[in-house]
Amino acid sequence: MALYVYTDSDLRDALRQRVHDAGSQRAFARQHGINHAYLSRILAQKRPVGKLVAGLLGYRLIRGRTYTPAADDNNQFFDL
């Protein structure tokens, strides 16, 4: 089974879509209990996505700044 690996950039794209769906950065931040300024810095590429936001999007940090879907039970820590 293939291991799908995503980068900060990939997760930012997903985050932008979720923010759009929520109506605004503030609305998304409020819905998920995070600071809107923190969210803004992630979207502006001033901070990495990190564990918290990756988890909100359904991903988990596996190494450095790479992520994999959290729901994939076959995920292992592989040398990439």
PDB file of N, CA and C in Angstrom:
ATOM      1  N   MET A   1       0.842  -1.177   0.000  1.00  0.00           N
ATOM      2  CA  MET A   1       0.000   0.000   0.000  1.00  0.00           C
ATOM      3  C   MET A   1       0.891   1.244   0.000  1.00  0.00           C
ATOM      4  N   ALA A   2       0.510   2.215  -0.796  1.00  0.00           N
ATOM      5  CA  ALA A   2       1.297   3.434  -0.932  1.00  0.00           C
ATOM      6  C   ALA A   2       1.100   4.340   0.284  1.00  0.00           C
ATOM      7  N   LEU A   3       2.154   5.013   0.648  1.00  0.00           N
ATOM      8  CA  LEU A   3       2.101   6.009   1.718  1.00  0.00           C
ATOM      9  C   LEU A   3       1.997   7.370   1.054  1.00  0.00           C
ATOM     10  N   TYR A   4       0.894   8.056   1.278  1.00  0.00           N
ATOM     11  CA  TYR A   4       0.721   9.381   0.715  1.00  0.00           C
ATOM     12  C   TYR A   4       1.303  10.390   1.685  1.00  0.00           C
ATOM     13  N   VAL A   5       2.189  11.225   1.185  1.00  0.00           N
ATOM     14  CA  VAL A   5       2.868  12.218   2.005  1.00  0.00           C
ATOM     15  C   VAL A   5       2.508  13.602   1.477  1.00  0.00           C
ATOM     16  N   TYR A   6       2.146  14.469   2.389  1.00  0.00           N
ATOM     17  CA  TYR A   6       1.748  15.828   2.047  1.00  0.00           C
ATOM     18  C   TYR A   6       2.673  16.824   2.733  1.00  0.00           C
ATOM     19  N   THR A   7       2.831  17.975   2.133  1.00  0.00           N
ATOM     20  CA  THR A   7       3.707  19.022   2.656  1.00  0.00           C
ATOM     21  C   THR A   7       2.878  20.130   3.311  1.00  0.00           C
ATOM     22  N   ASP A   8       3.575  21.080   3.933  1.00  0.00           N
ATOM     23  CA  ASP A   8       2.901  22.260   4.483  1.00  0.00           C
ATOM     24  C   ASP A   8       2.062  22.946   3.400  1.00  0.00           C
ATOM     25  N   SER A   9       2.618  23.048   2.210  1.00  0.00           N
ATOM     26  CA  SER A   9       1.917  23.703   1.114  1.00  0.00           C
ATOM     27  C   SER A   9       0.604  22.989   0.788  1.00  0.00           C
ATOM     28  N   ASP A  10       0.646  21.666   0.752  1.00  0.00           N
ATOM     29  CA  ASP A  10      -0.568  20.891   0.488  1.00  0.00           C
ATOM     30  C   ASP A  10      -1.621  21.139   1.566  1.00  0.00           C
ATOM     31  N   LEU A  11      -1.183  21.133   2.816  1.00  0.00           N
ATOM     32  CA  LEU A  11      -2.129  21.343   3.912  1.00  0.00           C
ATOM     33  C   LEU A  11      -2.638  22.777   3.945  1.00  0.00           C
ATOM     34  N   ARG A  12      -1.810  23.734   3.568  1.00  0.00           N
ATOM     35  CA  ARG A  12      -2.286  25.126   3.490  1.00  0.00           C
ATOM     36  C   ARG A  12      -3.404  25.247   2.457  1.00  0.00           C
ATOM     37  N   ASP A  13      -3.246  24.553   1.332  1.00  0.00           N
ATOM     38  CA  ASP A  13      -4.302  24.577   0.315  1.00  0.00           C
ATOM     39  C   ASP A  13      -5.601  24.019   0.880  1.00  0.00           C
ATOM     40  N   ALA A  14      -5.507  22.899   1.591  1.00  0.00           N
ATOM     41  CA  ALA A  14      -6.697  22.310   2.216  1.00  0.00           C
ATOM     42  C   ALA A  14      -7.277  23.259   3.266  1.00  0.00           C
ATOM     43  N   LEU A  15      -6.396  23.900   4.028  1.00  0.00           N
ATOM     44  CA  LEU A  15      -6.839  24.842   5.059  1.00  0.00           C
ATOM     45  C   LEU A  15      -7.544  26.039   4.424  1.00  0.00           C
ATOM     46  N   ARG A  16      -7.011  26.551   3.337  1.00  0.00           N
ATOM     47  CA  ARG A  16      -7.664  27.673   2.651  1.00  0.00           C
ATOM     48  C   ARG A  16      -9.084  27.297   2.224  1.00  0.00           C
ATOM     49  N   GLN A  17      -9.253  26.076   1.739  1.00  0.00           N
ATOM     50  CA  GLN A  17     -10.585  25.629   1.333  1.00  0.00           C
ATOM     51  C   GLN A  17     -11.520  25.538   2.534  1.00  0.00           C
ATOM     52  N   ARG A  18     -11.020  24.997   3.633  1.00  0.00           N
ATOM     53  CA  ARG A  18     -11.851  24.886   4.843  1.00  0.00           C
ATOM     54  C   ARG A  18     -12.208  26.264   5.384  1.00  0.00           C
ATOM     55  N   VAL A  19     -11.272  27.206   5.339  1.00  0.00           N
ATOM     56  CA  VAL A  19     -11.542  28.583   5.778  1.00  0.00           C
ATOM     57  C   VAL A  19     -12.600  29.204   4.870  1.00  0.00           C
ATOM     58  N   HIS A  20     -12.457  28.992   3.589  1.00  0.00           N
ATOM     59  CA  HIS A  20     -13.447  29.508   2.634  1.00  0.00           C
ATOM     60  C   HIS A  20     -14.832  28.939   2.952  1.00  0.00           C
ATOM     61  N   ASP A  21     -14.894  27.628   3.197  1.00  0.00           N
ATOM     62  CA  ASP A  21     -16.163  26.972   3.520  1.00  0.00           C
ATOM     63  C   ASP A  21     -16.774  27.518   4.812  1.00  0.00           C
ATOM     64  N   ALA A  22     -15.922  27.899   5.768  1.00  0.00           N
ATOM     65  CA  ALA A  22     -16.398  28.445   7.042  1.00  0.00           C
ATOM     66  C   ALA A  22     -16.864  29.891   6.905  1.00  0.00           C
ATOM     67  N   GLY A  23     -16.440  30.565   5.846  1.00  0.00           N
ATOM     68  CA  GLY A  23     -16.856  31.944   5.618  1.00  0.00           C
ATOM     69  C   GLY A  23     -15.783  32.979   5.888  1.00  0.00           C
ATOM     70  N   SER A  24     -14.879  32.690   6.800  1.00  0.00           N
ATOM     71  CA  SER A  24     -13.788  33.617   7.104  1.00  0.00           C
ATOM     72  C   SER A  24     -12.771  32.927   8.009  1.00  0.00           C
ATOM     73  N   GLN A  25     -11.608  33.555   8.126  1.00  0.00           N
ATOM     74  CA  GLN A  25     -10.588  33.025   9.036  1.00  0.00           C
ATOM     75  C   GLN A  25     -11.097  33.049  10.467  1.00  0.00           C
ATOM     76  N   ARG A  26     -11.736  34.140  10.839  1.00  0.00           N
ATOM     77  CA  ARG A  26     -12.249  34.249  12.209  1.00  0.00           C
ATOM     78  C   ARG A  26     -13.302  33.185  12.502  1.00  0.00           C
ATOM     79  N   ALA A  27     -14.177  32.939  11.544  1.00  0.00           N
ATOM     80  CA  ALA A  27     -15.216  31.925  11.748  1.00  0.00           C
ATOM     81  C   ALA A  27     -14.584  30.540  11.898  1.00  0.00           C
ATOM     82  N   PHE A  28     -13.614  30.225  11.054  1.00  0.00           N
ATOM     83  CA  PHE A  28     -12.942  28.927  11.154  1.00  0.00           C
ATOM     84  C   PHE A  28     -12.237  28.804  12.499  1.00  0.00           C
ATOM     85  N   ALA A  29     -11.515  29.850  12.881  1.00  0.00           N
ATOM     86  CA  ALA A  29     -10.780  29.832  14.151  1.00  0.00           C
ATOM     87  C   ALA A  29     -11.738  29.654  15.327  1.00  0.00           C
ATOM     88  N   ARG A  30     -12.840  30.353  15.305  1.00  0.00           N
ATOM     89  CA  ARG A  30     -13.832  30.254  16.380  1.00  0.00           C
ATOM     90  C   ARG A  30     -14.416  28.844  16.450  1.00  0.00           C
ATOM     91  N   GLN A  31     -14.742  28.261  15.304  1.00  0.00           N
ATOM     92  CA  GLN A  31     -15.321  26.918  15.252  1.00  0.00           C
ATOM     93  C   GLN A  31     -14.388  25.862  15.832  1.00  0.00           C
ATOM     94  N   HIS A  32     -13.075  26.104  15.701  1.00  0.00           N
ATOM     95  CA  HIS A  32     -12.102  25.091  16.111  1.00  0.00           C
ATOM     96  C   HIS A  32     -11.301  25.475  17.352  1.00  0.00           C
ATOM     97  N   GLY A  33     -11.647  26.605  17.947  1.00  0.00           N
ATOM     98  CA  GLY A  33     -11.013  27.000  19.197  1.00  0.00           C
ATOM     99  C   GLY A  33      -9.547  27.365  19.081  1.00  0.00           C
ATOM    100  N   ILE A  34      -9.189  27.967  17.952  1.00  0.00           N
ATOM    101  CA  ILE A  34      -7.803  28.425  17.796  1.00  0.00           C
ATOM    102  C   ILE A  34      -7.796  29.932  17.592  1.00  0.00           C
ATOM    103  N   ASN A  35      -6.663  30.534  17.796  1.00  0.00           N
ATOM    104  CA  ASN A  35      -6.499  31.971  17.659  1.00  0.00           C
ATOM    105  C   ASN A  35      -6.483  32.347  16.182  1.00  0.00           C
ATOM    106  N   HIS A  36      -7.285  33.352  15.805  1.00  0.00           N
ATOM    107  CA  HIS A  36      -7.355  33.749  14.394  1.00  0.00           C
ATOM    108  C   HIS A  36      -6.034  34.323  13.896  1.00  0.00           C
ATOM    109  N   ALA A  37      -5.256  34.952  14.762  1.00  0.00           N
ATOM    110  CA  ALA A  37      -3.957  35.489  14.346  1.00  0.00           C
ATOM    111  C   ALA A  37      -2.983  34.348  14.025  1.00  0.00           C
ATOM    112  N   TYR A  38      -3.035  33.289  14.823  1.00  0.00           N
ATOM    113  CA  TYR A  38      -2.216  32.097  14.570  1.00  0.00           C
ATOM    114  C   TYR A  38      -2.586  31.501  13.212  1.00  0.00           C
ATOM    115  N   LEU A  39      -3.875  31.392  12.951  1.00  0.00           N
ATOM    116  CA  LEU A  39      -4.349  30.876  11.678  1.00  0.00           C
ATOM    117  C   LEU A  39      -3.872  31.756  10.526  1.00  0.00           C
ATOM    118  N   SER A  40      -3.951  33.046  10.694  1.00  0.00           N
ATOM    119  CA  SER A  40      -3.510  33.989   9.671  1.00  0.00           C
ATOM    120  C   SER A  40      -2.023  33.824   9.362  1.00  0.00           C
ATOM    121  N   ARG A  41      -1.211  33.635  10.395  1.00  0.00           N
ATOM    122  CA  ARG A  41       0.234  33.455  10.185  1.00  0.00           C
ATOM    123  C   ARG A  41       0.528  32.161   9.437  1.00  0.00           C
ATOM    124  N   ILE A  42      -0.245  31.124   9.693  1.00  0.00           N
ATOM    125  CA  ILE A  42      -0.064  29.865   8.953  1.00  0.00           C
ATOM    126  C   ILE A  42      -0.389  30.088   7.482  1.00  0.00           C
ATOM    127  N   LEU A  43      -1.513  30.724   7.215  1.00  0.00           N
ATOM    128  CA  LEU A  43      -1.921  30.957   5.832  1.00  0.00           C
ATOM    129  C   LEU A  43      -0.971  31.891   5.093  1.00  0.00           C
ATOM    130  N   ALA A  44      -0.326  32.797   5.815  1.00  0.00           N
ATOM    131  CA  ALA A  44       0.641  33.718   5.218  1.00  0.00           C
ATOM    132  C   ALA A  44       2.037  33.109   5.108  1.00  0.00           C
ATOM    133  N   GLN A  45       2.175  31.848   5.444  1.00  0.00           N
ATOM    134  CA  GLN A  45       3.430  31.103   5.392  1.00  0.00           C
ATOM    135  C   GLN A  45       4.484  31.649   6.350  1.00  0.00           C
ATOM    136  N   LYS A  46       4.037  32.258   7.435  1.00  0.00           N
ATOM    137  CA  LYS A  46       4.959  32.750   8.454  1.00  0.00           C
ATOM    138  C   LYS A  46       5.151  31.738   9.569  1.00  0.00           C
ATOM    139  N   ARG A  47       4.292  30.710   9.585  1.00  0.00           N
ATOM    140  CA  ARG A  47       4.397  29.603  10.539  1.00  0.00           C
ATOM    141  C   ARG A  47       4.089  28.314   9.799  1.00  0.00           C
ATOM    142  N   PRO A  48       4.695  27.212  10.234  1.00  0.00           N
ATOM    143  CA  PRO A  48       4.336  25.921   9.626  1.00  0.00           C
ATOM    144  C   PRO A  48       2.939  25.500  10.074  1.00  0.00           C
ATOM    145  N   VAL A  49       2.360  24.566   9.372  1.00  0.00           N
ATOM    146  CA  VAL A  49       1.017  24.096   9.714  1.00  0.00           C
ATOM    147  C   VAL A  49       1.011  23.482  11.113  1.00  0.00           C
ATOM    148  N   GLY A  50       1.921  22.584  11.400  1.00  0.00           N
ATOM    149  CA  GLY A  50       2.033  22.005  12.727  1.00  0.00           C
ATOM    150  C   GLY A  50       0.975  20.968  13.059  1.00  0.00           C
ATOM    151  N   LYS A  51       1.158  20.338  14.214  1.00  0.00           N
ATOM    152  CA  LYS A  51       0.301  19.219  14.644  1.00  0.00           C
ATOM    153  C   LYS A  51      -1.146  19.620  14.858  1.00  0.00           C
ATOM    154  N   LEU A  52      -1.369  20.739  15.528  1.00  0.00           N
ATOM    155  CA  LEU A  52      -2.726  21.142  15.884  1.00  0.00           C
ATOM    156  C   LEU A  52      -3.603  21.322  14.652  1.00  0.00           C
ATOM    157  N   VAL A  53      -3.176  22.151  13.740  1.00  0.00           N
ATOM    158  CA  VAL A  53      -3.976  22.435  12.551  1.00  0.00           C
ATOM    159  C   VAL A  53      -4.020  21.220  11.627  1.00  0.00           C
ATOM    160  N   ALA A  54      -2.934  20.494  11.530  1.00  0.00           N
ATOM    161  CA  ALA A  54      -2.943  19.261  10.733  1.00  0.00           C
ATOM    162  C   ALA A  54      -4.021  18.313  11.258  1.00  0.00           C
ATOM    163  N   GLY A  55      -4.112  18.185  12.564  1.00  0.00           N
ATOM    164  CA  GLY A  55      -5.133  17.336  13.170  1.00  0.00           C
ATOM    165  C   GLY A  55      -6.540  17.803  12.847  1.00  0.00           C
ATOM    166  N   LEU A  56      -6.752  19.119  12.843  1.00  0.00           N
ATOM    167  CA  LEU A  56      -8.065  19.658  12.497  1.00  0.00           C
ATOM    168  C   LEU A  56      -8.449  19.312  11.066  1.00  0.00           C
ATOM    169  N   LEU A  57      -7.440  19.184  10.215  1.00  0.00           N
ATOM    170  CA  LEU A  57      -7.674  18.868   8.810  1.00  0.00           C
ATOM    171  C   LEU A  57      -7.725  17.366   8.535  1.00  0.00           C
ATOM    172  N   GLY A  58      -7.448  16.566   9.566  1.00  0.00           N
ATOM    173  CA  GLY A  58      -7.489  15.120   9.392  1.00  0.00           C
ATOM    174  C   GLY A  58      -6.164  14.501   8.992  1.00  0.00           C
ATOM    175  N   TYR A  59      -5.065  15.179   9.315  1.00  0.00           N
ATOM    176  CA  TYR A  59      -3.723  14.681   8.998  1.00  0.00           C
ATOM    177  C   TYR A  59      -2.904  14.589  10.272  1.00  0.00           C
ATOM    178  N   ARG A  60      -1.785  13.905  10.164  1.00  0.00           N
ATOM    179  CA  ARG A  60      -0.868  13.874  11.296  1.00  0.00           C
ATOM    180  C   ARG A  60       0.547  14.096  10.784  1.00  0.00           C
ATOM    181  N   LEU A  61       1.339  14.734  11.616  1.00  0.00           N
ATOM    182  CA  LEU A  61       2.735  15.018  11.309  1.00  0.00           C
ATOM    183  C   LEU A  61       3.507  13.707  11.404  1.00  0.00           C
ATOM    184  N   ILE A  62       4.292  13.393  10.360  1.00  0.00           N
ATOM    185  CA  ILE A  62       5.072  12.161  10.435  1.00  0.00           C
ATOM    186  C   ILE A  62       6.566  12.403  10.550  1.00  0.00           C
ATOM    187  N   ARG A  63       7.061  13.451   9.933  1.00  0.00           N
ATOM    188  CA  ARG A  63       8.492  13.741  10.026  1.00  0.00           C
ATOM    189  C   ARG A  63       8.736  15.137   9.473  1.00  0.00           C
ATOM    190  N   GLY A  64       9.506  15.920  10.211  1.00  0.00           N
ATOM    191  CA  GLY A  64       9.818  17.271   9.734  1.00  0.00           C
ATOM    192  C   GLY A  64       8.556  18.043   9.450  1.00  0.00           C
ATOM    193  N   ARG A  65       8.355  18.383   8.227  1.00  0.00           N
ATOM    194  CA  ARG A  65       7.150  19.096   7.791  1.00  0.00           C
ATOM    195  C   ARG A  65       6.414  18.279   6.742  1.00  0.00           C
ATOM    196  N   THR A  66       6.281  16.978   6.989  1.00  0.00           N
ATOM    197  CA  THR A  66       5.494  16.123   6.114  1.00  0.00           C
ATOM    198  C   THR A  66       4.364  15.491   6.920  1.00  0.00           C
ATOM    199  N   TYR A  67       3.258  15.249   6.242  1.00  0.00           N
ATOM    200  CA  TYR A  67       2.037  14.802   6.898  1.00  0.00           C
ATOM    201  C   TYR A  67       1.437  13.643   6.119  1.00  0.00           C
ATOM    202  N   THR A  68       0.604  12.884   6.779  1.00  0.00           N
ATOM    203  CA  THR A  68      -0.128  11.795   6.163  1.00  0.00           C
ATOM    204  C   THR A  68      -1.549  11.804   6.735  1.00  0.00           C
ATOM    205  N   PRO A  69      -2.517  11.284   5.978  1.00  0.00           N
ATOM    206  CA  PRO A  69      -3.887  11.257   6.508  1.00  0.00           C
ATOM    207  C   PRO A  69      -3.949  10.499   7.831  1.00  0.00           C
ATOM    208  N   ALA A  70      -4.601  11.062   8.799  1.00  0.00           N
ATOM    209  CA  ALA A  70      -4.688  10.454  10.133  1.00  0.00           C
ATOM    210  C   ALA A  70      -5.551   9.206  10.122  1.00  0.00           C
ATOM    211  N   ALA A  71      -6.494   9.108   9.202  1.00  0.00           N
ATOM    212  CA  ALA A  71      -7.413   7.983   9.174  1.00  0.00           C
ATOM    213  C   ALA A  71      -6.809   6.729   8.553  1.00  0.00           C
ATOM    214  N   ASP A  72      -5.621   6.840   7.968  1.00  0.00           N
ATOM    215  CA  ASP A  72      -4.983   5.699   7.320  1.00  0.00           C
ATOM    216  C   ASP A  72      -4.340   4.811   8.372  1.00  0.00           C
ATOM    217  N   ASP A  73      -4.970   3.677   8.673  1.00  0.00           N
ATOM    218  CA  ASP A  73      -4.480   2.770   9.715  1.00  0.00           C
ATOM    219  C   ASP A  73      -3.167   2.102   9.351  1.00  0.00           C
ATOM    220  N   ASN A  74      -2.782   2.126   8.096  1.00  0.00           N
ATOM    221  CA  ASN A  74      -1.555   1.466   7.659  1.00  0.00           C
ATOM    222  C   ASN A  74      -0.351   2.381   7.711  1.00  0.00           C
ATOM    223  N   ASN A  75      -0.524   3.582   8.222  1.00  0.00           N
ATOM    224  CA  ASN A  75       0.607   4.521   8.275  1.00  0.00           C
ATOM    225  C   ASN A  75       1.689   3.996   9.202  1.00  0.00           C
ATOM    226  N   GLN A  76       2.872   4.098   8.730  1.00  0.00           N
ATOM    227  CA  GLN A  76       4.054   3.733   9.481  1.00  0.00           C
ATOM    228  C   GLN A  76       5.032   4.892   9.373  1.00  0.00           C
ATOM    229  N   PHE A  77       6.028   4.902  10.206  1.00  0.00           N
ATOM    230  CA  PHE A  77       7.088   5.891  10.078  1.00  0.00           C
ATOM    231  C   PHE A  77       8.137   5.306   9.152  1.00  0.00           C
ATOM    232  N   PHE A  78       8.110   5.733   7.896  1.00  0.00           N
ATOM    233  CA  PHE A  78       9.029   5.226   6.896  1.00  0.00           C
ATOM    234  C   PHE A  78      10.134   6.224   6.666  1.00  0.00           C
ATOM    235  N   ASP A  79      11.277   5.732   6.212  1.00  0.00           N
ATOM    236  CA  ASP A  79      12.325   6.627   5.742  1.00  0.00           C
ATOM    237  C   ASP A  79      11.883   7.133   4.385  1.00  0.00           C
ATOM    238  N   LEU A  80      11.722   8.420   4.288  1.00  0.00           N
ATOM    239  CA  LEU A  80      11.221   9.000   3.028  1.00  0.00           C
ATOM    240  C   LEU A  80      12.361   9.461   2.174  1.00  0.00           C
TER     241      LEU A  80
END
